């Protein structure tokens, strides 16, 4: 008999959820390894879409330490009444001026970033708060960038989680906020960039980066294998959508579709 209850405990992060589910089972450790295919804009604000192929991993150690591709590393230092608090660290991949990525396997290289220079890989570090109830899960991350984009970001997600038989799903809103440094690193255009790119200069202030909604699904297909995916729509906020990069070379509407195949191990 497949223990789907324990598989779903470790699989919550594939649904875009990070948190502790003490109501479901005793804490245990698990690891998921697989392949993740993603159809999404070449960069946030792009109108050009690419297919990316990435490694997928999801480590859950005793419902205390979590490591995933999307949500980085986080340690639940304090856990009480469904709430968890602790440090978090995530890596934001570089945005290359030539529009390429080592993970791109399909779609043309975008030329929209020509003349704007690279935004190097960034390590975001800070703290998180998450809440985990029976059907409601949410999290807030507050992080400072180190490296390529040294700004401050706040990432927020809330999900309603349930199942139909062995199919588990989650749906809910999401939003990202950033300070002026963060927004201008990615969507601002200084004098030199304006000369190099032909776009007008642009400077903005702190505020909402985007808001959106995600619907996710997960299906265990054996004792050690599962498939998961999501569809996500984001709308860029005016501070970002009004950038000449988006106005002249991109789009304020962003759609992403994901499908992953993972092996599941307990230890």
C-alpha atoms as a PDB file:
ATOM      1  CA  UNK A   1       0.000   0.000   0.000  1.00  0.00           C
ATOM      2  CA  UNK A   2       1.440   3.374  -0.986  1.00  0.00           C
ATOM      3  CA  UNK A   3       1.662   5.825   1.932  1.00  0.00           C
ATOM      4  CA  UNK A   4       0.383   8.865   0.074  1.00  0.00           C
ATOM      5  CA  UNK A   5      -0.099  10.818   3.288  1.00  0.00           C
ATOM      6  CA  UNK A   6       3.647  10.839   3.968  1.00  0.00           C
ATOM      7  CA  UNK A   7       4.536  11.515   0.347  1.00  0.00           C
ATOM      8  CA  UNK A   8       2.344  14.612   0.293  1.00  0.00           C
ATOM      9  CA  UNK A   9       3.912  15.893   3.522  1.00  0.00           C
ATOM     10  CA  UNK A  10       7.285  16.087   1.804  1.00  0.00           C
ATOM     11  CA  UNK A  11       5.803  17.277  -1.468  1.00  0.00           C
ATOM     12  CA  UNK A  12       4.176  20.503  -0.271  1.00  0.00           C
ATOM     13  CA  UNK A  13       7.047  22.587  -1.628  1.00  0.00           C
ATOM     14  CA  UNK A  14       6.364  21.333  -5.148  1.00  0.00           C
ATOM     15  CA  UNK A  15       3.009  23.059  -4.753  1.00  0.00           C
ATOM     16  CA  UNK A  16       4.752  26.326  -3.913  1.00  0.00           C
ATOM     17  CA  UNK A  17       4.262  25.868  -0.147  1.00  0.00           C
ATOM     18  CA  UNK A  18       6.816  25.906   2.612  1.00  0.00           C
ATOM     19  CA  UNK A  19       5.768  25.057   6.111  1.00  0.00           C
ATOM     20  CA  UNK A  20       5.214  22.455   8.768  1.00  0.00           C
ATOM     21  CA  UNK A  21       2.255  20.120   8.767  1.00  0.00           C
ATOM     22  CA  UNK A  22       2.277  18.658  12.211  1.00  0.00           C
ATOM     23  CA  UNK A  23      -1.369  17.672  11.927  1.00  0.00           C
ATOM     24  CA  UNK A  24      -0.663  15.146   9.168  1.00  0.00           C
ATOM     25  CA  UNK A  25       2.103  12.923  10.534  1.00  0.00           C
ATOM     26  CA  UNK A  26       5.115  12.758  12.819  1.00  0.00           C
ATOM     27  CA  UNK A  27       8.159  14.681  11.552  1.00  0.00           C
ATOM     28  CA  UNK A  28      10.340  12.669   9.217  1.00  0.00           C
ATOM     29  CA  UNK A  29      13.040  13.312   6.646  1.00  0.00           C
ATOM     30  CA  UNK A  30      12.710  12.921   2.897  1.00  0.00           C
ATOM     31  CA  UNK A  31      14.392  13.820  -0.368  1.00  0.00           C
ATOM     32  CA  UNK A  32      12.955  14.294  -3.845  1.00  0.00           C
ATOM     33  CA  UNK A  33      15.176  14.377  -6.915  1.00  0.00           C
ATOM     34  CA  UNK A  34      14.020  14.840 -10.469  1.00  0.00           C
ATOM     35  CA  UNK A  35      13.752  16.967 -13.586  1.00  0.00           C
ATOM     36  CA  UNK A  36      11.786  20.187 -13.956  1.00  0.00           C
ATOM     37  CA  UNK A  37      10.603  21.583 -17.316  1.00  0.00           C
ATOM     38  CA  UNK A  38       9.405  25.177 -17.352  1.00  0.00           C
ATOM     39  CA  UNK A  39       7.804  27.357 -20.038  1.00  0.00           C
ATOM     40  CA  UNK A  40       8.099  30.989 -18.999  1.00  0.00           C
ATOM     41  CA  UNK A  41       9.229  34.495 -20.052  1.00  0.00           C
ATOM     42  CA  UNK A  42      12.931  34.893 -20.775  1.00  0.00           C
ATOM     43  CA  UNK A  43      13.071  37.404 -17.906  1.00  0.00           C
ATOM     44  CA  UNK A  44      10.520  39.105 -15.679  1.00  0.00           C
ATOM     45  CA  UNK A  45       8.826  41.564 -18.011  1.00  0.00           C
ATOM     46  CA  UNK A  46       9.731  39.771 -21.238  1.00  0.00           C
ATOM     47  CA  UNK A  47       7.324  39.093 -24.087  1.00  0.00           C
ATOM     48  CA  UNK A  48       9.632  36.318 -25.376  1.00  0.00           C
ATOM     49  CA  UNK A  49       9.085  32.824 -23.987  1.00  0.00           C
ATOM     50  CA  UNK A  50      11.617  30.035 -23.506  1.00  0.00           C
ATOM     51  CA  UNK A  51      11.600  26.429 -22.352  1.00  0.00           C
ATOM     52  CA  UNK A  52      13.970  25.709 -19.473  1.00  0.00           C
ATOM     53  CA  UNK A  53      15.104  22.327 -18.176  1.00  0.00           C
ATOM     54  CA  UNK A  54      16.371  22.331 -14.594  1.00  0.00           C
ATOM     55  CA  UNK A  55      17.284  19.812 -11.911  1.00  0.00           C
ATOM     56  CA  UNK A  56      14.592  19.501  -9.260  1.00  0.00           C
ATOM     57  CA  UNK A  57      15.257  18.799  -5.594  1.00  0.00           C
ATOM     58  CA  UNK A  58      13.249  18.972  -2.404  1.00  0.00           C
ATOM     59  CA  UNK A  59      14.848  18.182   0.949  1.00  0.00           C
ATOM     60  CA  UNK A  60      12.735  18.077   4.100  1.00  0.00           C
ATOM     61  CA  UNK A  61      14.724  17.282   7.242  1.00  0.00           C
ATOM     62  CA  UNK A  62      12.479  16.579  10.238  1.00  0.00           C
ATOM     63  CA  UNK A  63      10.036  19.290   9.158  1.00  0.00           C
ATOM     64  CA  UNK A  64      12.664  21.792  10.333  1.00  0.00           C
ATOM     65  CA  UNK A  65      15.166  22.323   7.509  1.00  0.00           C
ATOM     66  CA  UNK A  66      13.921  22.689   3.925  1.00  0.00           C
ATOM     67  CA  UNK A  67      15.836  23.036   0.663  1.00  0.00           C
ATOM     68  CA  UNK A  68      14.159  23.479  -2.738  1.00  0.00           C
ATOM     69  CA  UNK A  69      14.994  24.981  -6.121  1.00  0.00           C
ATOM     70  CA  UNK A  70      12.296  27.641  -5.862  1.00  0.00           C
ATOM     71  CA  UNK A  71      12.276  28.547  -2.177  1.00  0.00           C
ATOM     72  CA  UNK A  72      15.950  28.048  -1.337  1.00  0.00           C
ATOM     73  CA  UNK A  73      17.095  26.974   2.128  1.00  0.00           C
ATOM     74  CA  UNK A  74      15.142  27.727   5.277  1.00  0.00           C
ATOM     75  CA  UNK A  75      15.341  26.596   8.892  1.00  0.00           C
ATOM     76  CA  UNK A  76      12.281  26.627  11.150  1.00  0.00           C
ATOM     77  CA  UNK A  77      13.917  28.013  14.280  1.00  0.00           C
ATOM     78  CA  UNK A  78      10.619  28.582  16.075  1.00  0.00           C
ATOM     79  CA  UNK A  79       7.512  26.421  15.591  1.00  0.00           C
ATOM     80  CA  UNK A  80       4.302  27.026  17.490  1.00  0.00           C
ATOM     81  CA  UNK A  81       0.569  26.562  16.798  1.00  0.00           C
ATOM     82  CA  UNK A  82       1.092  26.123  13.063  1.00  0.00           C
ATOM     83  CA  UNK A  83       3.463  29.083  12.773  1.00  0.00           C
ATOM     84  CA  UNK A  84       7.134  28.789  11.857  1.00  0.00           C
ATOM     85  CA  UNK A  85       9.838  31.453  11.924  1.00  0.00           C
ATOM     86  CA  UNK A  86      13.468  31.321  10.929  1.00  0.00           C
ATOM     87  CA  UNK A  87      16.260  32.286   8.519  1.00  0.00           C
ATOM     88  CA  UNK A  88      16.040  31.871   4.751  1.00  0.00           C
ATOM     89  CA  UNK A  89      18.521  32.032   1.880  1.00  0.00           C
ATOM     90  CA  UNK A  90      17.699  31.924  -1.834  1.00  0.00           C
ATOM     91  CA  UNK A  91      19.710  32.273  -5.034  1.00  0.00           C
ATOM     92  CA  UNK A  92      18.421  34.507  -7.847  1.00  0.00           C
ATOM     93  CA  UNK A  93      20.021  33.461 -11.119  1.00  0.00           C
ATOM     94  CA  UNK A  94      21.836  36.008 -13.260  1.00  0.00           C
ATOM     95  CA  UNK A  95      20.013  37.968 -15.963  1.00  0.00           C
ATOM     96  CA  UNK A  96      22.348  38.021 -18.956  1.00  0.00           C
ATOM     97  CA  UNK A  97      22.346  40.833 -21.489  1.00  0.00           C
ATOM     98  CA  UNK A  98      22.618  38.334 -24.350  1.00  0.00           C
ATOM     99  CA  UNK A  99      19.329  36.750 -23.244  1.00  0.00           C
ATOM    100  CA  UNK A 100      20.816  33.288 -22.805  1.00  0.00           C
ATOM    101  CA  UNK A 101      20.774  30.811 -19.927  1.00  0.00           C
ATOM    102  CA  UNK A 102      22.530  27.493 -19.376  1.00  0.00           C
ATOM    103  CA  UNK A 103      19.083  26.034 -18.620  1.00  0.00           C
ATOM    104  CA  UNK A 104      17.394  27.237 -21.839  1.00  0.00           C
ATOM    105  CA  UNK A 105      16.543  24.331 -24.158  1.00  0.00           C
ATOM    106  CA  UNK A 106      13.900  25.911 -26.386  1.00  0.00           C
ATOM    107  CA  UNK A 107      12.761  29.239 -27.750  1.00  0.00           C
ATOM    108  CA  UNK A 108      14.841  32.053 -29.256  1.00  0.00           C
ATOM    109  CA  UNK A 109      17.272  34.126 -27.235  1.00  0.00           C
ATOM    110  CA  UNK A 110      15.637  37.433 -26.429  1.00  0.00           C
ATOM    111  CA  UNK A 111      17.332  40.588 -27.712  1.00  0.00           C
ATOM    112  CA  UNK A 112      15.347  42.903 -25.418  1.00  0.00           C
ATOM    113  CA  UNK A 113      18.189  43.242 -22.897  1.00  0.00           C
ATOM    114  CA  UNK A 114      20.768  44.451 -25.422  1.00  0.00           C
ATOM    115  CA  UNK A 115      22.660  47.441 -24.050  1.00  0.00           C
ATOM    116  CA  UNK A 116      21.470  47.038 -20.462  1.00  0.00           C
ATOM    117  CA  UNK A 117      24.348  44.919 -19.134  1.00  0.00           C
ATOM    118  CA  UNK A 118      24.177  41.848 -16.914  1.00  0.00           C
ATOM    119  CA  UNK A 119      22.582  41.505 -13.496  1.00  0.00           C
ATOM    120  CA  UNK A 120      24.823  38.965 -11.808  1.00  0.00           C
ATOM    121  CA  UNK A 121      23.707  36.064  -9.618  1.00  0.00           C
ATOM    122  CA  UNK A 122      22.335  37.295  -6.299  1.00  0.00           C
ATOM    123  CA  UNK A 123      22.188  35.634  -2.895  1.00  0.00           C
ATOM    124  CA  UNK A 124      19.091  36.762  -0.992  1.00  0.00           C
ATOM    125  CA  UNK A 125      19.260  36.250   2.774  1.00  0.00           C
ATOM    126  CA  UNK A 126      16.817  37.144   5.516  1.00  0.00           C
ATOM    127  CA  UNK A 127      13.973  35.664   7.517  1.00  0.00           C
ATOM    128  CA  UNK A 128      10.613  34.005   6.920  1.00  0.00           C
ATOM    129  CA  UNK A 129       7.303  33.461   8.651  1.00  0.00           C
ATOM    130  CA  UNK A 130       4.974  30.667   7.549  1.00  0.00           C
ATOM    131  CA  UNK A 131       1.600  29.363   8.638  1.00  0.00           C
ATOM    132  CA  UNK A 132       0.393  25.802   8.126  1.00  0.00           C
ATOM    133  CA  UNK A 133      -3.185  24.769   8.882  1.00  0.00           C
ATOM    134  CA  UNK A 134      -5.214  21.888   7.486  1.00  0.00           C
ATOM    135  CA  UNK A 135      -6.137  23.583   4.216  1.00  0.00           C
ATOM    136  CA  UNK A 136      -4.502  27.021   4.407  1.00  0.00           C
ATOM    137  CA  UNK A 137      -0.762  27.520   4.017  1.00  0.00           C
ATOM    138  CA  UNK A 138       1.124  30.750   3.594  1.00  0.00           C
ATOM    139  CA  UNK A 139       4.530  32.348   3.897  1.00  0.00           C
ATOM    140  CA  UNK A 140       6.267  35.703   3.890  1.00  0.00           C
ATOM    141  CA  UNK A 141       9.987  36.105   3.150  1.00  0.00           C
ATOM    142  CA  UNK A 142      11.900  39.340   3.827  1.00  0.00           C
ATOM    143  CA  UNK A 143      15.356  39.242   2.226  1.00  0.00           C
ATOM    144  CA  UNK A 144      18.364  41.415   1.475  1.00  0.00           C
ATOM    145  CA  UNK A 145      20.242  40.803  -1.760  1.00  0.00           C
ATOM    146  CA  UNK A 146      23.993  40.260  -1.810  1.00  0.00           C
ATOM    147  CA  UNK A 147      25.829  40.456  -5.113  1.00  0.00           C
ATOM    148  CA  UNK A 148      24.142  41.218  -8.425  1.00  0.00           C
ATOM    149  CA  UNK A 149      20.979  42.977  -7.180  1.00  0.00           C
ATOM    150  CA  UNK A 150      21.624  44.198  -3.604  1.00  0.00           C
ATOM    151  CA  UNK A 151      18.068  45.309  -2.897  1.00  0.00           C
ATOM    152  CA  UNK A 152      15.405  44.270  -0.389  1.00  0.00           C
ATOM    153  CA  UNK A 153      12.497  42.033  -1.424  1.00  0.00           C
ATOM    154  CA  UNK A 154       9.372  40.726   0.284  1.00  0.00           C
ATOM    155  CA  UNK A 155       7.831  37.582  -1.190  1.00  0.00           C
ATOM    156  CA  UNK A 156       4.285  36.599  -0.125  1.00  0.00           C
ATOM    157  CA  UNK A 157       2.204  33.512  -0.953  1.00  0.00           C
ATOM    158  CA  UNK A 158      -1.045  32.027   0.365  1.00  0.00           C
ATOM    159  CA  UNK A 159      -2.524  28.704  -0.759  1.00  0.00           C
ATOM    160  CA  UNK A 160      -5.683  26.736  -0.258  1.00  0.00           C
ATOM    161  CA  UNK A 161      -4.639  23.066  -0.283  1.00  0.00           C
ATOM    162  CA  UNK A 162      -6.858  20.000  -0.669  1.00  0.00           C
ATOM    163  CA  UNK A 163      -7.135  16.726  -2.549  1.00  0.00           C
ATOM    164  CA  UNK A 164      -9.456  14.766  -4.798  1.00  0.00           C
ATOM    165  CA  UNK A 165      -8.528  11.166  -4.184  1.00  0.00           C
ATOM    166  CA  UNK A 166      -4.795  10.840  -4.766  1.00  0.00           C
ATOM    167  CA  UNK A 167      -4.588  14.142  -6.645  1.00  0.00           C
ATOM    168  CA  UNK A 168      -3.430  16.995  -4.430  1.00  0.00           C
ATOM    169  CA  UNK A 169      -3.835  20.602  -5.464  1.00  0.00           C
ATOM    170  CA  UNK A 170      -3.182  24.136  -4.241  1.00  0.00           C
ATOM    171  CA  UNK A 171      -4.367  27.515  -5.469  1.00  0.00           C
ATOM    172  CA  UNK A 172      -3.827  31.007  -4.191  1.00  0.00           C
ATOM    173  CA  UNK A 173      -2.519  34.538  -4.650  1.00  0.00           C
ATOM    174  CA  UNK A 174       1.079  35.701  -4.577  1.00  0.00           C
ATOM    175  CA  UNK A 175       2.902  39.019  -4.625  1.00  0.00           C
ATOM    176  CA  UNK A 176       6.427  40.412  -4.642  1.00  0.00           C
ATOM    177  CA  UNK A 177       7.530  43.769  -3.252  1.00  0.00           C
ATOM    178  CA  UNK A 178      10.924  45.409  -3.649  1.00  0.00           C
ATOM    179  CA  UNK A 179      12.742  48.550  -2.598  1.00  0.00           C
ATOM    180  CA  UNK A 180      13.996  51.134  -5.076  1.00  0.00           C
ATOM    181  CA  UNK A 181      17.416  49.498  -5.370  1.00  0.00           C
ATOM    182  CA  UNK A 182      15.864  46.189  -6.382  1.00  0.00           C
ATOM    183  CA  UNK A 183      13.426  47.668  -8.909  1.00  0.00           C
ATOM    184  CA  UNK A 184      16.035  49.880 -10.549  1.00  0.00           C
ATOM    185  CA  UNK A 185      18.625  47.081 -10.776  1.00  0.00           C
ATOM    186  CA  UNK A 186      16.233  45.086 -12.974  1.00  0.00           C
ATOM    187  CA  UNK A 187      13.955  47.635 -14.667  1.00  0.00           C
ATOM    188  CA  UNK A 188      15.623  51.014 -14.196  1.00  0.00           C
ATOM    189  CA  UNK A 189      17.660  52.523 -17.046  1.00  0.00           C
ATOM    190  CA  UNK A 190      20.563  54.838 -16.214  1.00  0.00           C
ATOM    191  CA  UNK A 191      22.265  57.281 -18.567  1.00  0.00           C
ATOM    192  CA  UNK A 192      24.861  54.798 -19.835  1.00  0.00           C
ATOM    193  CA  UNK A 193      22.274  52.085 -20.388  1.00  0.00           C
ATOM    194  CA  UNK A 194      20.105  54.560 -22.290  1.00  0.00           C
ATOM    195  CA  UNK A 195      23.015  55.359 -24.616  1.00  0.00           C
ATOM    196  CA  UNK A 196      23.850  51.673 -25.122  1.00  0.00           C
ATOM    197  CA  UNK A 197      20.280  50.412 -25.568  1.00  0.00           C
ATOM    198  CA  UNK A 198      18.476  53.303 -27.216  1.00  0.00           C
ATOM    199  CA  UNK A 199      15.819  53.250 -24.481  1.00  0.00           C
ATOM    200  CA  UNK A 200      14.964  56.375 -22.461  1.00  0.00           C
ATOM    201  CA  UNK A 201      16.217  56.697 -18.890  1.00  0.00           C
ATOM    202  CA  UNK A 202      13.931  55.419 -16.160  1.00  0.00           C
ATOM    203  CA  UNK A 203      14.044  55.496 -12.363  1.00  0.00           C
ATOM    204  CA  UNK A 204      11.416  54.251  -9.952  1.00  0.00           C
ATOM    205  CA  UNK A 205      10.791  53.902  -6.229  1.00  0.00           C
ATOM    206  CA  UNK A 206       9.982  51.100  -3.804  1.00  0.00           C
ATOM    207  CA  UNK A 207       6.716  49.264  -4.264  1.00  0.00           C
ATOM    208  CA  UNK A 208       4.873  46.288  -5.650  1.00  0.00           C
ATOM    209  CA  UNK A 209       6.763  44.350  -8.328  1.00  0.00           C
ATOM    210  CA  UNK A 210       3.980  41.984  -9.390  1.00  0.00           C
ATOM    211  CA  UNK A 211       0.865  40.224  -8.146  1.00  0.00           C
ATOM    212  CA  UNK A 212      -0.598  37.001  -9.424  1.00  0.00           C
ATOM    213  CA  UNK A 213      -2.141  33.621  -8.836  1.00  0.00           C
ATOM    214  CA  UNK A 214      -0.831  30.067  -9.020  1.00  0.00           C
ATOM    215  CA  UNK A 215      -2.642  26.743  -9.373  1.00  0.00           C
ATOM    216  CA  UNK A 216      -0.579  23.639  -8.610  1.00  0.00           C
ATOM    217  CA  UNK A 217      -1.132  19.904  -8.702  1.00  0.00           C
ATOM    218  CA  UNK A 218       0.661  16.790  -7.541  1.00  0.00           C
ATOM    219  CA  UNK A 219       0.019  13.087  -8.150  1.00  0.00           C
ATOM    220  CA  UNK A 220       1.994  10.225  -6.569  1.00  0.00           C
ATOM    221  CA  UNK A 221       2.200   7.403  -9.119  1.00  0.00           C
ATOM    222  CA  UNK A 222       4.156   4.842  -7.086  1.00  0.00           C
ATOM    223  CA  UNK A 223       5.875   4.389  -3.732  1.00  0.00           C
ATOM    224  CA  UNK A 224       8.873   6.349  -4.960  1.00  0.00           C
ATOM    225  CA  UNK A 225       7.672   8.494  -7.871  1.00  0.00           C
ATOM    226  CA  UNK A 226       5.431  11.506  -8.376  1.00  0.00           C
ATOM    227  CA  UNK A 227       4.597  14.116 -10.986  1.00  0.00           C
ATOM    228  CA  UNK A 228       3.745  17.731 -10.251  1.00  0.00           C
ATOM    229  CA  UNK A 229       3.141  20.974 -12.058  1.00  0.00           C
ATOM    230  CA  UNK A 230       1.709  24.457 -11.908  1.00  0.00           C
ATOM    231  CA  UNK A 231       0.212  27.224 -14.001  1.00  0.00           C
ATOM    232  CA  UNK A 232       0.958  30.750 -12.858  1.00  0.00           C
ATOM    233  CA  UNK A 233      -0.094  34.205 -14.007  1.00  0.00           C
ATOM    234  CA  UNK A 234       1.567  37.416 -12.830  1.00  0.00           C
ATOM    235  CA  UNK A 235       0.714  41.011 -13.648  1.00  0.00           C
ATOM    236  CA  UNK A 236       3.527  43.531 -13.338  1.00  0.00           C
ATOM    237  CA  UNK A 237       2.761  46.520 -11.100  1.00  0.00           C
ATOM    238  CA  UNK A 238       2.942  50.055 -12.570  1.00  0.00           C
ATOM    239  CA  UNK A 239       6.445  50.741 -11.173  1.00  0.00           C
ATOM    240  CA  UNK A 240       7.737  47.865 -13.300  1.00  0.00           C
ATOM    241  CA  UNK A 241       5.225  47.903 -16.175  1.00  0.00           C
ATOM    242  CA  UNK A 242       6.028  51.561 -16.898  1.00  0.00           C
ATOM    243  CA  UNK A 243       9.714  50.825 -17.479  1.00  0.00           C
ATOM    244  CA  UNK A 244      10.684  51.388 -21.143  1.00  0.00           C
ATOM    245  CA  UNK A 245      12.144  47.877 -21.067  1.00  0.00           C
ATOM    246  CA  UNK A 246       8.636  46.509 -20.538  1.00  0.00           C
ATOM    247  CA  UNK A 247       6.740  49.179 -22.484  1.00  0.00           C
ATOM    248  CA  UNK A 248       8.856  48.960 -25.642  1.00  0.00           C
ATOM    249  CA  UNK A 249      10.379  45.477 -25.535  1.00  0.00           C
ATOM    250  CA  UNK A 250       8.292  43.392 -23.155  1.00  0.00           C
ATOM    251  CA  UNK A 251       4.901  42.708 -21.613  1.00  0.00           C
ATOM    252  CA  UNK A 252       3.247  43.361 -18.257  1.00  0.00           C
ATOM    253  CA  UNK A 253       1.464  39.988 -18.464  1.00  0.00           C
ATOM    254  CA  UNK A 254       3.547  36.991 -17.431  1.00  0.00           C
ATOM    255  CA  UNK A 255       2.524  33.333 -17.742  1.00  0.00           C
ATOM    256  CA  UNK A 256       4.482  30.310 -16.537  1.00  0.00           C
ATOM    257  CA  UNK A 257       3.749  26.585 -16.929  1.00  0.00           C
ATOM    258  CA  UNK A 258       5.724  23.920 -15.102  1.00  0.00           C
ATOM    259  CA  UNK A 259       5.911  20.114 -15.126  1.00  0.00           C
ATOM    260  CA  UNK A 260       8.246  18.032 -12.962  1.00  0.00           C
ATOM    261  CA  UNK A 261       8.973  14.333 -12.461  1.00  0.00           C
ATOM    262  CA  UNK A 262      10.518  13.303  -9.156  1.00  0.00           C
ATOM    263  CA  UNK A 263      11.738  10.292  -7.230  1.00  0.00           C
ATOM    264  CA  UNK A 264      10.930  10.255  -3.527  1.00  0.00           C
ATOM    265  CA  UNK A 265      13.124   8.837  -0.748  1.00  0.00           C
ATOM    266  CA  UNK A 266      12.666   8.662   3.021  1.00  0.00           C
ATOM    267  CA  UNK A 267      15.575   8.515   5.466  1.00  0.00           C
END
